[in-house]
Each structure stands twice: as C-alpha cells, then as structure tokens.
N, C-alpha and C. Protein backbone atom coordinates (compact mmCIF):
# COMPACT_ATOMS: atom_id res chain seq x y z
N MET A 1 168.26 65.12 193.58
CA MET A 1 167.42 63.98 193.39
C MET A 1 167.92 63.15 192.22
N GLU A 2 168.30 63.82 191.17
CA GLU A 2 168.76 63.11 189.98
C GLU A 2 169.97 62.23 190.27
N SER A 3 170.88 62.73 191.12
CA SER A 3 172.08 61.95 191.43
C SER A 3 171.76 60.68 192.21
N LEU A 4 170.68 60.70 192.98
CA LEU A 4 170.26 59.49 193.69
C LEU A 4 169.81 58.41 192.71
N PHE A 5 169.05 58.82 191.71
CA PHE A 5 168.61 57.86 190.69
C PHE A 5 169.78 57.40 189.83
N ASP A 6 170.72 58.30 189.55
CA ASP A 6 171.91 57.92 188.79
C ASP A 6 172.73 56.88 189.55
N ALA A 7 172.71 56.94 190.88
CA ALA A 7 173.46 55.99 191.70
C ALA A 7 172.68 54.71 191.94
N SER A 8 171.46 54.61 191.39
CA SER A 8 170.60 53.43 191.54
C SER A 8 170.23 53.14 193.00
N PHE A 9 169.93 54.20 193.76
CA PHE A 9 169.58 54.03 195.17
C PHE A 9 168.35 53.14 195.35
N GLN A 10 167.43 53.16 194.39
CA GLN A 10 166.22 52.36 194.51
C GLN A 10 166.53 50.87 194.45
N ASN A 11 167.72 50.51 194.00
CA ASN A 11 168.15 49.11 193.96
C ASN A 11 169.09 48.78 195.11
N GLY A 12 169.26 49.72 196.05
CA GLY A 12 170.10 49.47 197.22
C GLY A 12 171.54 49.91 197.07
N ALA A 13 171.89 50.55 195.96
CA ALA A 13 173.27 50.99 195.76
C ALA A 13 173.57 52.23 196.61
N ASP A 14 174.82 52.40 196.99
CA ASP A 14 175.23 53.57 197.76
C ASP A 14 175.46 54.76 196.85
N HIS A 15 175.16 55.94 197.36
CA HIS A 15 175.45 57.18 196.65
C HIS A 15 176.95 57.44 196.79
N PRO A 16 177.60 57.99 195.78
CA PRO A 16 179.04 58.26 195.86
C PRO A 16 179.45 59.14 197.04
N LEU A 17 178.56 59.98 197.53
CA LEU A 17 178.88 60.86 198.66
C LEU A 17 178.52 60.25 200.01
N SER A 18 178.01 59.04 200.01
CA SER A 18 177.63 58.38 201.26
C SER A 18 178.85 58.12 202.12
N LEU A 19 178.75 58.43 203.41
CA LEU A 19 179.87 58.24 204.33
C LEU A 19 179.78 56.93 205.10
N SER A 20 178.69 56.25 205.08
CA SER A 20 178.39 54.99 205.75
C SER A 20 177.42 55.26 206.89
N LEU A 21 177.21 54.26 207.72
CA LEU A 21 176.31 54.43 208.86
C LEU A 21 176.90 55.42 209.85
N THR A 22 176.04 56.18 210.49
CA THR A 22 176.49 57.19 211.45
C THR A 22 177.35 56.59 212.55
N GLU A 23 176.97 55.39 213.01
CA GLU A 23 177.69 54.73 214.09
C GLU A 23 179.10 54.29 213.69
N GLU A 24 179.39 54.27 212.40
CA GLU A 24 180.70 53.81 211.93
C GLU A 24 181.66 54.96 211.62
N ILE A 25 181.20 56.20 211.66
CA ILE A 25 182.05 57.35 211.39
C ILE A 25 182.79 57.69 212.68
N PRO A 26 184.14 57.64 212.68
CA PRO A 26 184.92 57.83 213.90
C PRO A 26 184.55 59.10 214.68
N PHE A 27 184.38 60.22 214.02
CA PHE A 27 184.07 61.47 214.70
C PHE A 27 182.73 61.38 215.42
N LEU A 28 181.74 60.76 214.79
CA LEU A 28 180.41 60.66 215.37
C LEU A 28 180.27 59.51 216.35
N LYS A 29 181.14 58.53 216.25
CA LYS A 29 181.08 57.35 217.12
C LYS A 29 181.26 57.73 218.59
N LYS A 30 182.03 58.79 218.85
CA LYS A 30 182.31 59.22 220.22
C LYS A 30 181.21 60.08 220.83
N GLN A 31 180.22 60.46 220.02
CA GLN A 31 179.18 61.38 220.49
C GLN A 31 177.93 60.64 220.92
N THR A 32 177.16 61.28 221.78
CA THR A 32 175.89 60.73 222.24
C THR A 32 174.77 61.37 221.45
N ARG A 33 173.96 60.53 220.83
CA ARG A 33 172.83 61.04 220.05
C ARG A 33 171.71 61.45 221.01
N LEU A 34 171.26 62.68 220.91
CA LEU A 34 170.15 63.14 221.74
C LEU A 34 168.89 63.34 220.89
N THR A 35 169.00 64.14 219.86
CA THR A 35 167.84 64.47 219.05
C THR A 35 167.25 63.25 218.35
N PHE A 36 168.11 62.40 217.80
CA PHE A 36 167.65 61.24 217.06
C PHE A 36 167.98 59.94 217.78
N ALA A 37 167.96 59.96 219.09
CA ALA A 37 168.34 58.79 219.88
C ALA A 37 167.45 57.58 219.60
N HIS A 38 166.18 57.81 219.30
CA HIS A 38 165.26 56.70 219.06
C HIS A 38 165.05 56.41 217.58
N CYS A 39 165.82 57.06 216.73
CA CYS A 39 165.70 56.85 215.29
C CYS A 39 166.05 55.40 214.95
N GLY A 40 165.12 54.71 214.34
CA GLY A 40 165.33 53.32 213.98
C GLY A 40 165.03 52.34 215.09
N VAL A 41 164.73 52.84 216.30
CA VAL A 41 164.45 51.97 217.44
C VAL A 41 162.96 51.72 217.58
N ILE A 42 162.17 52.75 217.27
CA ILE A 42 160.72 52.60 217.39
C ILE A 42 160.08 52.61 216.00
N ASP A 43 158.86 52.11 215.94
CA ASP A 43 158.09 52.12 214.70
C ASP A 43 157.23 53.37 214.69
N PRO A 44 157.49 54.33 213.80
CA PRO A 44 156.72 55.58 213.81
C PRO A 44 155.25 55.41 213.45
N HIS A 45 154.88 54.24 212.95
CA HIS A 45 153.49 53.99 212.58
C HIS A 45 152.75 53.18 213.65
N SER A 46 153.40 52.92 214.77
CA SER A 46 152.81 52.11 215.83
C SER A 46 152.31 52.97 216.98
N LEU A 47 151.04 52.78 217.36
CA LEU A 47 150.51 53.50 218.52
C LEU A 47 151.21 53.08 219.80
N LYS A 48 151.55 51.82 219.91
CA LYS A 48 152.24 51.31 221.10
C LYS A 48 153.60 52.00 221.26
N SER A 49 154.35 52.17 220.16
CA SER A 49 155.63 52.87 220.22
C SER A 49 155.43 54.33 220.59
N TYR A 50 154.36 54.93 220.07
CA TYR A 50 154.06 56.32 220.38
C TYR A 50 153.82 56.53 221.86
N GLU A 51 153.11 55.60 222.47
CA GLU A 51 152.81 55.71 223.90
C GLU A 51 154.08 55.58 224.70
C-alpha cells in the first residue's frame, strides 16, 4: 500500500511495476477473457446492468 502512495497513484500516476492495460500486453492480447469479460463494460451499481 505504501508504494502506491509513494508513486502518487491518487493523482493518476502509474506505479513503477505497472505493465499497462491488459489489452495492450502482447501475451494477454491473444487470449479470450472469460472470468472478467464484462469488467468495465457494466456498471456494478446499476440494477439495469445487473438484470
């Protein structure tokens, strides 16, 4: 946790160990997301999305 604050993540800075977006990593780009396929697509606080 301390390293996140040291990297100023609360101001939008990247952590030194950040690899970038999952979709931009060559190894992961070729794979199909199953478990987290809807991650970022739906609003977890919306009843309509839940339905």
